[in-house]
């Protein structure tokens, strides 16, 4: 009896997995690396080479170069992320709550743009 139900469960699970793979976009692990500017990627590669060499030789000058590259990468990443964030904020405009997913302004019927009123213990709070 159990063997009769197993193929049905397997086919349902398999169909479910196929549907998931079709509807959920695949995101590779290289998205982060490809989204970085080439000079930051080159700094990271150089730092990895220096780290391997530093671990082999235990040279103090190499260790200093490694630390300097680490600092450069941190500073470059912070600048890059901050610039991306400011570009996103600029793209959203002054009041991002007024723009919907389609890019058109929301037309709410009788409600404020910022959201509905809150009611707690029969007391209405304006939002």
N, C-alpha and C. Protein backbone atom coordinates (compact mmCIF):
# COMPACT_ATOMS: atom_id res chain seq x y z
N UNK A 1 0.81 -1.20 0.00
CA UNK A 1 0.00 0.00 0.00
C UNK A 1 0.86 1.27 0.00
N UNK A 2 1.92 1.26 0.76
CA UNK A 2 2.77 2.44 0.83
C UNK A 2 3.40 2.72 -0.51
N UNK A 3 3.79 1.68 -1.24
CA UNK A 3 4.42 1.89 -2.53
C UNK A 3 3.46 2.51 -3.54
N UNK A 4 2.15 2.32 -3.35
CA UNK A 4 1.17 2.94 -4.25
C UNK A 4 1.15 4.45 -4.11
N UNK A 5 1.34 4.95 -2.91
CA UNK A 5 1.27 6.40 -2.67
C UNK A 5 2.59 7.10 -2.97
N UNK A 6 3.67 6.39 -2.89
CA UNK A 6 4.98 7.02 -3.06
C UNK A 6 5.16 7.67 -4.43
N UNK A 7 4.79 7.02 -5.54
CA UNK A 7 4.96 7.68 -6.85
C UNK A 7 4.13 8.95 -6.98
N UNK A 8 2.96 8.98 -6.38
CA UNK A 8 2.12 10.19 -6.44
C UNK A 8 2.79 11.32 -5.68
N UNK A 9 3.27 11.04 -4.46
CA UNK A 9 3.95 12.06 -3.68
C UNK A 9 5.20 12.57 -4.38
N UNK A 10 5.93 11.65 -4.99
CA UNK A 10 7.14 12.04 -5.71
C UNK A 10 6.82 12.92 -6.89
N UNK A 11 5.81 12.56 -7.65
CA UNK A 11 5.46 13.36 -8.83
C UNK A 11 4.94 14.73 -8.43
N UNK A 12 4.18 14.81 -7.33
CA UNK A 12 3.69 16.11 -6.86
C UNK A 12 4.86 16.97 -6.40
N UNK A 13 5.78 16.39 -5.65
CA UNK A 13 6.94 17.15 -5.19
C UNK A 13 7.80 17.59 -6.36
N UNK A 14 7.99 16.71 -7.33
CA UNK A 14 8.80 17.04 -8.49
C UNK A 14 8.16 18.16 -9.30
N UNK A 15 6.83 18.09 -9.49
CA UNK A 15 6.12 19.17 -10.21
C UNK A 15 6.24 20.49 -9.46
N UNK A 16 6.16 20.42 -8.14
CA UNK A 16 6.28 21.62 -7.32
C UNK A 16 7.67 22.24 -7.47
N UNK A 17 8.71 21.42 -7.47
CA UNK A 17 10.08 21.92 -7.62
C UNK A 17 10.28 22.53 -9.00
N UNK A 18 9.75 21.90 -10.03
CA UNK A 18 9.87 22.45 -11.39
C UNK A 18 9.18 23.80 -11.47
N UNK A 19 8.00 23.91 -10.88
CA UNK A 19 7.27 25.18 -10.88
C UNK A 19 8.05 26.26 -10.15
N UNK A 20 8.66 25.90 -9.03
CA UNK A 20 9.47 26.87 -8.29
C UNK A 20 10.64 27.36 -9.13
N UNK A 21 11.33 26.45 -9.79
CA UNK A 21 12.49 26.84 -10.60
C UNK A 21 12.09 27.71 -11.78
N UNK A 22 10.90 27.50 -12.31
CA UNK A 22 10.45 28.32 -13.43
C UNK A 22 10.07 29.73 -12.99
N UNK A 23 9.49 29.85 -11.79
CA UNK A 23 8.94 31.14 -11.35
C UNK A 23 9.89 31.97 -10.51
N UNK A 24 10.86 31.36 -9.88
CA UNK A 24 11.82 32.11 -9.06
C UNK A 24 13.08 32.32 -9.89
N UNK A 25 13.49 33.57 -10.09
CA UNK A 25 14.68 33.81 -10.91
C UNK A 25 15.93 33.28 -10.22
N UNK A 26 16.80 32.68 -10.99
CA UNK A 26 18.05 32.14 -10.47
C UNK A 26 19.04 33.28 -10.27
N UNK A 27 19.67 33.31 -9.12
CA UNK A 27 20.65 34.35 -8.82
C UNK A 27 21.97 33.66 -8.49
N UNK A 28 22.94 33.88 -9.34
CA UNK A 28 24.22 33.22 -9.12
C UNK A 28 24.98 33.87 -7.98
N UNK A 29 26.02 33.22 -7.53
CA UNK A 29 26.82 33.74 -6.43
C UNK A 29 27.77 34.83 -6.89
N UNK A 30 27.93 35.02 -8.18
CA UNK A 30 28.86 36.00 -8.69
C UNK A 30 28.24 37.39 -8.85
N UNK A 31 26.98 37.55 -8.42
CA UNK A 31 26.31 38.83 -8.59
C UNK A 31 27.04 39.92 -7.82
N UNK A 32 27.44 39.63 -6.58
CA UNK A 32 28.12 40.64 -5.78
C UNK A 32 29.43 41.05 -6.43
N UNK A 33 30.20 40.06 -6.87
CA UNK A 33 31.50 40.34 -7.45
C UNK A 33 31.36 41.11 -8.76
N UNK A 34 30.37 40.77 -9.56
CA UNK A 34 30.21 41.46 -10.84
C UNK A 34 29.62 42.85 -10.67
N UNK A 35 28.98 43.10 -9.53
CA UNK A 35 28.41 44.43 -9.31
C UNK A 35 29.45 45.43 -8.80
N UNK A 36 30.60 44.94 -8.38
CA UNK A 36 31.66 45.84 -7.92
C UNK A 36 32.43 46.40 -9.10
N UNK A 37 32.97 47.62 -8.95
CA UNK A 37 33.80 48.16 -10.01
C UNK A 37 35.07 47.33 -10.18
N UNK A 38 35.62 47.32 -11.39
CA UNK A 38 36.81 46.48 -11.65
C UNK A 38 38.02 46.82 -10.78
N UNK A 39 38.19 48.10 -10.43
CA UNK A 39 39.37 48.44 -9.62
C UNK A 39 39.27 47.85 -8.21
N UNK A 40 38.06 47.71 -7.67
CA UNK A 40 37.91 47.10 -6.34
C UNK A 40 38.15 45.59 -6.44
N UNK A 41 37.66 44.98 -7.50
CA UNK A 41 37.90 43.54 -7.70
C UNK A 41 39.39 43.27 -7.84
N UNK A 42 40.09 44.16 -8.56
CA UNK A 42 41.55 44.00 -8.71
C UNK A 42 42.27 44.16 -7.37
N UNK A 43 41.80 45.09 -6.55
CA UNK A 43 42.41 45.26 -5.21
C UNK A 43 42.21 44.00 -4.37
N UNK A 44 41.03 43.41 -4.46
CA UNK A 44 40.75 42.19 -3.68
C UNK A 44 41.64 41.05 -4.16
N UNK A 45 41.80 40.91 -5.47
CA UNK A 45 42.67 39.85 -6.00
C UNK A 45 44.12 40.06 -5.56
N UNK A 46 44.57 41.31 -5.62
CA UNK A 46 45.95 41.62 -5.21
C UNK A 46 46.14 41.32 -3.72
N UNK A 47 45.15 41.67 -2.91
CA UNK A 47 45.24 41.42 -1.48
C UNK A 47 45.32 39.92 -1.19
N UNK A 48 44.58 39.11 -1.93
CA UNK A 48 44.63 37.66 -1.74
C UNK A 48 46.02 37.11 -2.08
N UNK A 49 46.60 37.62 -3.17
CA UNK A 49 47.95 37.18 -3.54
C UNK A 49 48.96 37.55 -2.46
N UNK A 50 48.85 38.78 -1.97
CA UNK A 50 49.76 39.25 -0.93
C UNK A 50 49.58 38.43 0.35
N UNK A 51 48.34 38.10 0.69
CA UNK A 51 48.09 37.31 1.90
C UNK A 51 48.74 35.93 1.79
N UNK A 52 48.59 35.27 0.64
CA UNK A 52 49.21 33.95 0.46
C UNK A 52 50.74 34.05 0.58
N UNK A 53 51.29 35.07 -0.06
CA UNK A 53 52.75 35.25 0.00
C UNK A 53 53.20 35.56 1.43
N UNK A 54 52.42 36.38 2.13
CA UNK A 54 52.75 36.76 3.50
C UNK A 54 52.71 35.54 4.43
N UNK A 55 51.75 34.66 4.22
CA UNK A 55 51.66 33.47 5.06
C UNK A 55 52.83 32.52 4.82
N UNK A 56 53.35 32.50 3.59
CA UNK A 56 54.48 31.62 3.29
C UNK A 56 55.79 32.16 3.84
N UNK A 57 56.01 33.48 3.68
CA UNK A 57 57.31 34.06 4.01
C UNK A 57 57.40 34.67 5.40
N UNK A 58 56.28 35.08 5.96
CA UNK A 58 56.25 35.76 7.27
C UNK A 58 57.09 37.04 7.27
N UNK A 59 57.10 37.72 6.14
CA UNK A 59 57.88 38.95 6.00
C UNK A 59 57.06 40.13 6.54
N UNK A 60 57.71 40.99 7.33
CA UNK A 60 57.02 42.12 7.93
C UNK A 60 56.59 43.15 6.88
N UNK A 61 57.39 43.37 5.87
CA UNK A 61 57.04 44.33 4.82
C UNK A 61 55.81 43.86 4.03
N UNK A 62 55.73 42.57 3.81
CA UNK A 62 54.57 42.01 3.10
C UNK A 62 53.31 42.16 3.96
N UNK A 63 53.47 41.97 5.25
CA UNK A 63 52.34 42.12 6.17
C UNK A 63 51.84 43.57 6.17
N UNK A 64 52.76 44.52 6.12
CA UNK A 64 52.36 45.92 6.07
C UNK A 64 51.63 46.23 4.76
N UNK A 65 52.11 45.68 3.66
CA UNK A 65 51.44 45.87 2.37
C UNK A 65 50.04 45.26 2.40
N UNK A 66 49.91 44.09 3.01
CA UNK A 66 48.61 43.43 3.16
C UNK A 66 47.65 44.30 3.96
N UNK A 67 48.12 44.85 5.07
CA UNK A 67 47.28 45.71 5.90
C UNK A 67 46.87 46.98 5.15
N UNK A 68 47.81 47.53 4.38
CA UNK A 68 47.51 48.74 3.60
C UNK A 68 46.45 48.45 2.53
N UNK A 69 46.56 47.31 1.87
CA UNK A 69 45.56 46.93 0.87
C UNK A 69 44.19 46.70 1.51
N UNK A 70 44.18 46.11 2.70
CA UNK A 70 42.92 45.89 3.41
C UNK A 70 42.24 47.22 3.70
N UNK A 71 43.01 48.20 4.15
CA UNK A 71 42.47 49.52 4.42
C UNK A 71 41.95 50.18 3.14
N UNK A 72 42.70 50.06 2.05
CA UNK A 72 42.27 50.62 0.76
C UNK A 72 40.95 50.01 0.30
N UNK A 73 40.82 48.70 0.46
CA UNK A 73 39.59 48.01 0.04
C UNK A 73 38.41 48.48 0.88
N UNK A 74 38.60 48.59 2.19
CA UNK A 74 37.52 49.04 3.06
C UNK A 74 37.05 50.44 2.67
N UNK A 75 37.99 51.33 2.44
CA UNK A 75 37.65 52.71 2.07
C UNK A 75 36.95 52.74 0.72
N UNK A 76 37.46 51.98 -0.24
CA UNK A 76 36.85 51.96 -1.58
C UNK A 76 35.44 51.39 -1.54
N UNK A 77 35.24 50.32 -0.76
CA UNK A 77 33.90 49.73 -0.65
C UNK A 77 32.92 50.70 0.00
N UNK A 78 33.35 51.40 1.05
CA UNK A 78 32.46 52.36 1.70
C UNK A 78 32.07 53.47 0.74
N UNK A 79 33.03 53.98 -0.02
CA UNK A 79 32.72 55.02 -1.01
C UNK A 79 31.74 54.50 -2.05
N UNK A 80 31.98 53.30 -2.54
CA UNK A 80 31.12 52.70 -3.57
C UNK A 80 29.70 52.50 -3.05
N UNK A 81 29.57 51.92 -1.85
CA UNK A 81 28.24 51.68 -1.28
C UNK A 81 27.51 52.98 -0.99
N UNK A 82 28.23 53.98 -0.45
CA UNK A 82 27.60 55.27 -0.18
C UNK A 82 27.13 55.93 -1.47
N UNK A 83 27.93 55.87 -2.53
CA UNK A 83 27.53 56.46 -3.80
C UNK A 83 26.30 55.75 -4.36
N UNK A 84 26.27 54.42 -4.28
CA UNK A 84 25.09 53.68 -4.74
C UNK A 84 23.85 54.06 -3.94
N UNK A 85 24.01 54.23 -2.63
CA UNK A 85 22.88 54.58 -1.78
C UNK A 85 22.37 55.99 -2.13
N UNK A 86 23.28 56.95 -2.30
CA UNK A 86 22.86 58.30 -2.66
C UNK A 86 22.21 58.34 -4.03
N UNK A 87 22.70 57.54 -4.97
CA UNK A 87 22.06 57.46 -6.29
C UNK A 87 20.64 56.90 -6.18
N UNK A 88 20.47 55.90 -5.33
CA UNK A 88 19.14 55.31 -5.12
C UNK A 88 18.19 56.33 -4.50
N UNK A 89 18.67 57.06 -3.49
CA UNK A 89 17.82 58.07 -2.84
C UNK A 89 17.44 59.17 -3.83
N UNK A 90 18.40 59.60 -4.64
CA UNK A 90 18.14 60.62 -5.64
C UNK A 90 17.11 60.13 -6.65
N UNK A 91 17.20 58.86 -7.02
CA UNK A 91 16.28 58.28 -7.99
C UNK A 91 14.86 58.21 -7.42
N UNK A 92 14.74 57.97 -6.11
CA UNK A 92 13.43 57.86 -5.48
C UNK A 92 12.73 59.21 -5.38
N UNK A 93 13.47 60.29 -5.30
CA UNK A 93 12.86 61.61 -5.24
C UNK A 93 12.65 62.08 -3.82
N UNK A 94 11.88 63.20 -3.71
CA UNK A 94 11.70 63.81 -2.39
C UNK A 94 10.83 62.96 -1.47
N UNK A 95 9.72 62.45 -1.99
CA UNK A 95 8.78 61.70 -1.15
C UNK A 95 8.56 60.32 -1.76
N UNK A 96 9.34 59.32 -1.35
CA UNK A 96 9.24 58.00 -1.97
C UNK A 96 7.95 57.27 -1.66
N UNK A 97 7.19 57.71 -0.64
CA UNK A 97 5.95 57.03 -0.30
C UNK A 97 4.85 57.29 -1.32
N UNK A 98 4.98 58.32 -2.13
CA UNK A 98 3.95 58.63 -3.11
C UNK A 98 4.10 57.84 -4.40
N UNK A 99 5.20 57.17 -4.59
CA UNK A 99 5.43 56.44 -5.83
C UNK A 99 5.18 54.96 -5.60
N UNK A 100 4.34 54.36 -6.45
CA UNK A 100 4.03 52.94 -6.36
C UNK A 100 5.03 52.10 -7.13
N UNK A 101 4.72 50.83 -7.28
CA UNK A 101 5.62 49.92 -7.98
C UNK A 101 5.71 50.25 -9.46
N UNK A 102 4.64 50.79 -10.03
CA UNK A 102 4.66 51.07 -11.46
C UNK A 102 5.32 52.40 -11.78
N UNK A 103 5.68 53.18 -10.77
CA UNK A 103 6.31 54.47 -11.00
C UNK A 103 5.29 55.60 -11.08
N UNK A 104 4.00 55.28 -11.06
CA UNK A 104 2.96 56.30 -11.10
C UNK A 104 2.56 56.64 -9.68
N UNK A 105 2.01 57.84 -9.50
CA UNK A 105 1.58 58.24 -8.17
C UNK A 105 0.35 57.45 -7.75
N UNK A 106 0.31 57.08 -6.47
CA UNK A 106 -0.83 56.34 -5.95
C UNK A 106 -2.03 57.27 -5.81
N UNK A 107 -3.18 56.75 -6.15
CA UNK A 107 -4.42 57.50 -5.97
C UNK A 107 -5.25 56.73 -4.97
N UNK A 108 -5.15 57.10 -3.71
CA UNK A 108 -5.88 56.42 -2.66
C UNK A 108 -7.24 57.08 -2.47
N UNK A 109 -8.25 56.28 -2.26
CA UNK A 109 -9.61 56.79 -2.11
C UNK A 109 -9.87 57.14 -0.66
N UNK A 110 -9.87 58.41 -0.34
CA UNK A 110 -10.22 58.86 0.99
C UNK A 110 -9.16 58.62 2.05
N UNK A 111 -7.99 58.12 1.69
CA UNK A 111 -6.93 57.88 2.66
C UNK A 111 -5.77 58.82 2.41
N UNK A 112 -5.03 59.10 3.45
CA UNK A 112 -3.82 59.89 3.28
C UNK A 112 -2.78 59.05 2.56
N UNK A 113 -1.83 59.71 1.94
CA UNK A 113 -0.80 59.00 1.19
C UNK A 113 0.09 58.19 2.12
N UNK A 114 0.26 58.64 3.37
CA UNK A 114 1.17 57.95 4.27
C UNK A 114 0.56 56.70 4.88
N UNK A 115 -0.75 56.47 4.76
CA UNK A 115 -1.33 55.22 5.24
C UNK A 115 -2.63 55.44 5.97
N UNK A 116 -3.29 54.36 6.37
CA UNK A 116 -4.58 54.46 7.04
C UNK A 116 -4.42 54.90 8.49
N UNK A 117 -5.55 55.29 9.11
CA UNK A 117 -5.54 55.66 10.52
C UNK A 117 -5.42 54.41 11.38
N UNK A 118 -4.82 54.57 12.55
CA UNK A 118 -4.68 53.48 13.49
C UNK A 118 -5.76 53.59 14.55
N UNK A 119 -6.37 52.46 14.91
CA UNK A 119 -7.42 52.46 15.93
C UNK A 119 -7.00 51.49 17.02
N UNK A 120 -6.97 52.00 18.27
CA UNK A 120 -6.62 51.18 19.41
C UNK A 120 -7.54 51.55 20.56
N UNK A 121 -8.23 50.55 21.14
CA UNK A 121 -9.20 50.77 22.22
C UNK A 121 -10.21 51.85 21.85
N UNK A 122 -10.73 51.77 20.64
CA UNK A 122 -11.73 52.70 20.10
C UNK A 122 -11.27 54.12 20.01
N UNK A 123 -9.96 54.35 20.06
CA UNK A 123 -9.37 55.68 19.88
C UNK A 123 -8.66 55.69 18.54
N UNK A 124 -8.96 56.67 17.72
CA UNK A 124 -8.39 56.75 16.38
C UNK A 124 -7.15 57.65 16.42
N UNK A 125 -6.06 57.17 15.86
CA UNK A 125 -4.82 57.93 15.77
C UNK A 125 -4.54 58.24 14.29
N UNK A 126 -4.34 59.51 14.00
CA UNK A 126 -4.04 59.93 12.62
C UNK A 126 -2.61 59.56 12.30
N UNK A 127 -2.39 59.07 11.10
CA UNK A 127 -1.03 58.75 10.69
C UNK A 127 -0.55 59.70 9.63
